[in-house]
Amino acid sequence: MPKYLLAYHGGGMPEGEAAQAKEMAAWGAWFQKLGSAVVDGGNPVGASKTVSAAGAATDGGGANPITGYSVLQADSLQAAVKFAEGCPILASRGTVEVGETFDAM
């Protein structure tokens, strides 16, 4: 079954312990709903650098830096997009980029 990278952009952790607990519960419920489709729940992304072909490294991830990722398996790109439509990051005005991965080696 194909695997899909969900790259999260924007969003963020809310302020305050109660709001953060609610946010984490939403992510846990979403992952539980996805069940065996979750290959790697992923993690948030912290500081980053962008490396150019010339080898120069600049701070940040460009205009729309990645803020986290997950890897899912699904029957098709459309099915993976359906999974992504329930992602909690969307509630905090973030976005989810969905891309099919493939074995290159």
N, C-alpha and C. Protein backbone atom coordinates (compact mmCIF):
# COMPACT_ATOMS: atom_id res chain seq x y z
N MET A 1 0.85 -1.17 0.00
CA MET A 1 0.00 0.00 0.00
C MET A 1 0.89 1.24 0.00
N PRO A 2 0.57 2.23 -0.82
CA PRO A 2 1.39 3.43 -0.89
C PRO A 2 1.45 4.19 0.43
N LYS A 3 2.54 4.90 0.61
CA LYS A 3 2.72 5.75 1.80
C LYS A 3 2.68 7.20 1.37
N TYR A 4 2.19 8.04 2.29
CA TYR A 4 2.02 9.46 2.01
C TYR A 4 2.62 10.28 3.14
N LEU A 5 3.38 11.29 2.75
CA LEU A 5 3.94 12.24 3.70
C LEU A 5 2.94 13.36 3.88
N LEU A 6 2.56 13.61 5.11
CA LEU A 6 1.75 14.77 5.44
C LEU A 6 2.69 15.80 6.04
N ALA A 7 2.91 16.88 5.33
CA ALA A 7 3.78 17.96 5.80
C ALA A 7 2.88 19.07 6.30
N TYR A 8 3.05 19.42 7.57
CA TYR A 8 2.22 20.44 8.20
C TYR A 8 2.90 21.79 8.09
N HIS A 9 2.11 22.80 7.78
CA HIS A 9 2.60 24.17 7.67
C HIS A 9 1.73 25.06 8.55
N GLY A 10 2.37 25.94 9.31
CA GLY A 10 1.63 26.86 10.16
C GLY A 10 1.06 26.18 11.39
N GLY A 11 -0.04 26.71 11.87
CA GLY A 11 -0.63 26.18 13.10
C GLY A 11 0.22 26.58 14.29
N GLY A 12 0.12 25.82 15.34
CA GLY A 12 0.92 26.10 16.52
C GLY A 12 0.25 25.61 17.77
N MET A 13 1.02 25.53 18.83
CA MET A 13 0.51 25.07 20.11
C MET A 13 -0.14 26.26 20.82
N PRO A 14 -1.37 26.07 21.29
CA PRO A 14 -2.04 27.17 22.00
C PRO A 14 -1.38 27.51 23.33
N GLU A 15 -1.69 28.67 23.85
CA GLU A 15 -1.17 29.13 25.14
C GLU A 15 -1.94 28.47 26.27
N GLY A 16 -1.27 28.17 27.34
CA GLY A 16 -1.91 27.65 28.55
C GLY A 16 -2.00 26.13 28.57
N GLU A 17 -1.86 25.60 29.77
CA GLU A 17 -1.82 24.15 29.96
C GLU A 17 -3.11 23.46 29.53
N ALA A 18 -4.26 24.03 29.86
CA ALA A 18 -5.54 23.41 29.51
C ALA A 18 -5.75 23.38 28.00
N ALA A 19 -5.43 24.48 27.34
CA ALA A 19 -5.58 24.56 25.88
C ALA A 19 -4.61 23.60 25.19
N GLN A 20 -3.39 23.48 25.72
CA GLN A 20 -2.42 22.56 25.15
C GLN A 20 -2.87 21.11 25.32
N ALA A 21 -3.44 20.79 26.47
CA ALA A 21 -3.94 19.43 26.71
C ALA A 21 -5.07 19.11 25.75
N LYS A 22 -5.94 20.08 25.51
CA LYS A 22 -7.05 19.90 24.57
C LYS A 22 -6.52 19.66 23.16
N GLU A 23 -5.51 20.41 22.77
CA GLU A 23 -4.89 20.26 21.44
C GLU A 23 -4.26 18.88 21.29
N MET A 24 -3.52 18.45 22.29
CA MET A 24 -2.87 17.13 22.24
C MET A 24 -3.92 16.02 22.20
N ALA A 25 -5.04 16.19 22.91
CA ALA A 25 -6.12 15.21 22.88
C ALA A 25 -6.73 15.12 21.49
N ALA A 26 -6.85 16.26 20.81
CA ALA A 26 -7.39 16.27 19.45
C ALA A 26 -6.48 15.49 18.50
N TRP A 27 -5.16 15.68 18.65
CA TRP A 27 -4.22 14.92 17.81
C TRP A 27 -4.30 13.43 18.13
N GLY A 28 -4.38 13.08 19.41
CA GLY A 28 -4.49 11.69 19.80
C GLY A 28 -5.74 11.04 19.26
N ALA A 29 -6.86 11.75 19.31
CA ALA A 29 -8.12 11.22 18.79
C ALA A 29 -8.06 11.04 17.28
N TRP A 30 -7.42 11.98 16.59
CA TRP A 30 -7.29 11.87 15.13
C TRP A 30 -6.44 10.66 14.76
N PHE A 31 -5.29 10.51 15.42
CA PHE A 31 -4.43 9.36 15.14
C PHE A 31 -5.15 8.06 15.46
N GLN A 32 -5.91 8.04 16.53
CA GLN A 32 -6.66 6.83 16.89
C GLN A 32 -7.70 6.52 15.82
N LYS A 33 -8.36 7.53 15.30
CA LYS A 33 -9.35 7.35 14.24
C LYS A 33 -8.69 6.79 12.98
N LEU A 34 -7.47 7.24 12.68
CA LEU A 34 -6.76 6.76 11.50
C LEU A 34 -6.29 5.31 11.65
N GLY A 35 -6.07 4.90 12.90
CA GLY A 35 -5.71 3.51 13.20
C GLY A 35 -4.46 3.04 12.48
N SER A 36 -4.57 1.91 11.79
CA SER A 36 -3.41 1.27 11.16
C SER A 36 -2.88 2.04 9.96
N ALA A 37 -3.58 3.09 9.52
CA ALA A 37 -3.06 3.91 8.43
C ALA A 37 -1.83 4.71 8.86
N VAL A 38 -1.66 4.90 10.16
CA VAL A 38 -0.53 5.68 10.66
C VAL A 38 0.73 4.81 10.65
N VAL A 39 1.67 5.18 9.80
CA VAL A 39 2.97 4.49 9.72
C VAL A 39 3.93 5.13 10.71
N ASP A 40 3.94 6.46 10.75
CA ASP A 40 4.79 7.23 11.66
C ASP A 40 4.01 8.49 12.03
N GLY A 41 3.64 8.59 13.29
CA GLY A 41 2.89 9.76 13.74
C GLY A 41 3.65 11.05 13.55
N GLY A 42 4.95 10.97 13.44
CA GLY A 42 5.78 12.13 13.18
C GLY A 42 6.04 12.96 14.41
N ASN A 43 6.42 14.20 14.18
CA ASN A 43 6.79 15.14 15.23
C ASN A 43 6.69 16.56 14.72
N PRO A 44 6.64 17.51 15.64
CA PRO A 44 6.77 18.91 15.22
C PRO A 44 8.20 19.16 14.75
N VAL A 45 8.39 20.22 14.00
CA VAL A 45 9.71 20.62 13.51
C VAL A 45 10.10 21.91 14.22
N GLY A 46 11.31 21.96 14.72
CA GLY A 46 11.81 23.16 15.39
C GLY A 46 12.61 24.02 14.43
N ALA A 47 13.74 24.49 14.88
CA ALA A 47 14.60 25.34 14.07
C ALA A 47 14.99 24.61 12.79
N SER A 48 15.12 25.38 11.70
CA SER A 48 15.50 24.76 10.43
C SER A 48 16.42 25.69 9.65
N LYS A 49 17.08 25.10 8.68
CA LYS A 49 17.93 25.83 7.75
C LYS A 49 17.55 25.38 6.34
N THR A 50 17.66 26.25 5.38
CA THR A 50 17.46 25.91 3.98
C THR A 50 18.81 25.93 3.30
N VAL A 51 19.16 24.83 2.65
CA VAL A 51 20.47 24.69 1.99
C VAL A 51 20.27 24.82 0.49
N SER A 52 21.04 25.70 -0.13
CA SER A 52 20.95 25.92 -1.58
C SER A 52 21.92 24.99 -2.31
N ALA A 53 21.79 24.93 -3.62
CA ALA A 53 22.68 24.12 -4.44
C ALA A 53 24.13 24.57 -4.30
N ALA A 54 24.34 25.84 -3.99
CA ALA A 54 25.69 26.37 -3.81
C ALA A 54 26.26 26.01 -2.43
N GLY A 55 25.43 25.40 -1.59
CA GLY A 55 25.89 25.01 -0.27
C GLY A 55 25.64 26.05 0.81
N ALA A 56 25.04 27.16 0.46
CA ALA A 56 24.74 28.19 1.45
C ALA A 56 23.53 27.76 2.28
N ALA A 57 23.63 27.95 3.57
CA ALA A 57 22.52 27.61 4.47
C ALA A 57 21.95 28.88 5.07
N THR A 58 20.65 29.08 4.91
CA THR A 58 19.99 30.24 5.48
C THR A 58 18.98 29.78 6.53
N ASP A 59 18.71 30.63 7.49
CA ASP A 59 17.76 30.29 8.53
C ASP A 59 16.35 30.16 7.98
N GLY A 60 15.62 29.23 8.55
CA GLY A 60 14.21 29.07 8.22
C GLY A 60 13.97 28.14 7.05
N GLY A 61 12.70 27.95 6.77
CA GLY A 61 12.29 27.02 5.73
C GLY A 61 11.61 27.69 4.57
N GLY A 62 11.98 28.90 4.27
CA GLY A 62 11.38 29.58 3.13
C GLY A 62 10.09 30.29 3.51
N ALA A 63 9.27 30.55 2.50
CA ALA A 63 8.06 31.34 2.69
C ALA A 63 7.00 30.61 3.52
N ASN A 64 6.96 29.29 3.45
CA ASN A 64 5.94 28.52 4.15
C ASN A 64 6.61 27.31 4.81
N PRO A 65 7.35 27.54 5.90
CA PRO A 65 8.15 26.46 6.48
C PRO A 65 7.31 25.31 7.04
N ILE A 66 7.87 24.15 6.98
CA ILE A 66 7.23 22.97 7.54
C ILE A 66 7.28 23.07 9.07
N THR A 67 6.16 22.72 9.72
CA THR A 67 6.11 22.78 11.17
C THR A 67 5.94 21.40 11.80
N GLY A 68 5.80 20.37 10.96
CA GLY A 68 5.69 19.01 11.46
C GLY A 68 5.39 18.06 10.32
N TYR A 69 5.32 16.77 10.64
CA TYR A 69 5.06 15.77 9.60
C TYR A 69 4.44 14.52 10.22
N SER A 70 3.82 13.73 9.39
CA SER A 70 3.37 12.37 9.70
C SER A 70 3.49 11.56 8.42
N VAL A 71 3.53 10.24 8.55
CA VAL A 71 3.51 9.35 7.39
C VAL A 71 2.34 8.40 7.56
N LEU A 72 1.49 8.35 6.53
CA LEU A 72 0.33 7.46 6.53
C LEU A 72 0.40 6.52 5.35
N GLN A 73 -0.34 5.44 5.42
CA GLN A 73 -0.53 4.61 4.24
C GLN A 73 -2.01 4.69 3.87
N ALA A 74 -2.25 4.69 2.57
CA ALA A 74 -3.62 4.80 2.07
C ALA A 74 -3.68 4.15 0.69
N ASP A 75 -4.88 3.86 0.25
CA ASP A 75 -5.07 3.22 -1.05
C ASP A 75 -4.74 4.15 -2.22
N SER A 76 -4.89 5.46 -2.01
CA SER A 76 -4.68 6.41 -3.10
C SER A 76 -4.38 7.79 -2.51
N LEU A 77 -3.94 8.69 -3.38
CA LEU A 77 -3.70 10.07 -2.96
C LEU A 77 -5.00 10.69 -2.46
N GLN A 78 -6.10 10.39 -3.14
CA GLN A 78 -7.39 10.94 -2.73
C GLN A 78 -7.77 10.44 -1.34
N ALA A 79 -7.49 9.17 -1.04
CA ALA A 79 -7.79 8.63 0.29
C ALA A 79 -6.91 9.30 1.35
N ALA A 80 -5.64 9.55 1.02
CA ALA A 80 -4.74 10.23 1.96
C ALA A 80 -5.22 11.66 2.22
N VAL A 81 -5.70 12.33 1.19
CA VAL A 81 -6.24 13.69 1.34
C VAL A 81 -7.46 13.65 2.26
N LYS A 82 -8.32 12.63 2.10
CA LYS A 82 -9.48 12.49 2.98
C LYS A 82 -9.04 12.36 4.43
N PHE A 83 -8.00 11.56 4.68
CA PHE A 83 -7.45 11.44 6.04
C PHE A 83 -7.00 12.81 6.54
N ALA A 84 -6.30 13.55 5.69
CA ALA A 84 -5.74 14.85 6.08
C ALA A 84 -6.83 15.87 6.40
N GLU A 85 -8.00 15.72 5.82
CA GLU A 85 -9.08 16.67 6.06
C GLU A 85 -9.52 16.72 7.52
N GLY A 86 -9.19 15.68 8.29
CA GLY A 86 -9.54 15.66 9.71
C GLY A 86 -8.41 16.10 10.63
N CYS A 87 -7.30 16.55 10.05
CA CYS A 87 -6.12 16.89 10.84
C CYS A 87 -6.38 18.10 11.74
N PRO A 88 -6.02 17.98 13.03
CA PRO A 88 -6.25 19.08 13.97
C PRO A 88 -5.53 20.39 13.63
N ILE A 89 -4.47 20.34 12.85
CA ILE A 89 -3.76 21.58 12.53
C ILE A 89 -4.64 22.53 11.72
N LEU A 90 -5.63 22.00 11.04
CA LEU A 90 -6.51 22.83 10.23
C LEU A 90 -7.34 23.76 11.09
N ALA A 91 -7.63 23.34 12.33
CA ALA A 91 -8.42 24.17 13.25
C ALA A 91 -7.64 25.40 13.70
N SER A 92 -6.31 25.35 13.60
CA SER A 92 -5.51 26.50 14.00
C SER A 92 -4.95 27.23 12.77
N ARG A 93 -5.68 27.14 11.66
CA ARG A 93 -5.36 27.82 10.41
C ARG A 93 -4.07 27.35 9.76
N GLY A 94 -3.62 26.15 10.12
CA GLY A 94 -2.49 25.56 9.44
C GLY A 94 -2.96 24.84 8.19
N THR A 95 -2.03 24.31 7.44
CA THR A 95 -2.35 23.55 6.23
C THR A 95 -1.62 22.22 6.25
N VAL A 96 -2.10 21.29 5.43
CA VAL A 96 -1.47 19.98 5.30
C VAL A 96 -1.15 19.76 3.82
N GLU A 97 0.11 19.52 3.54
CA GLU A 97 0.54 19.16 2.19
C GLU A 97 0.65 17.64 2.16
N VAL A 98 0.02 16.98 1.20
CA VAL A 98 0.00 15.53 1.10
C VAL A 98 0.75 15.11 -0.15
N GLY A 99 1.77 14.26 0.02
CA GLY A 99 2.54 13.79 -1.12
C GLY A 99 2.82 12.32 -1.02
N GLU A 100 2.65 11.61 -2.14
CA GLU A 100 2.95 10.17 -2.18
C GLU A 100 4.46 9.97 -2.17
N THR A 101 4.92 9.06 -1.36
CA THR A 101 6.33 8.71 -1.34
C THR A 101 6.52 7.42 -2.14
N PHE A 102 7.74 7.15 -2.52
CA PHE A 102 8.03 5.89 -3.22
C PHE A 102 9.45 5.48 -2.92
N ASP A 103 9.69 4.19 -3.02
CA ASP A 103 11.03 3.66 -2.77
C ASP A 103 11.91 3.96 -3.96
N ALA A 104 12.98 4.67 -3.73
CA ALA A 104 13.90 5.04 -4.81
C ALA A 104 15.11 4.11 -4.85
N MET A 105 15.34 3.39 -3.78
CA MET A 105 16.51 2.50 -3.74
C MET A 105 16.09 1.12 -3.32
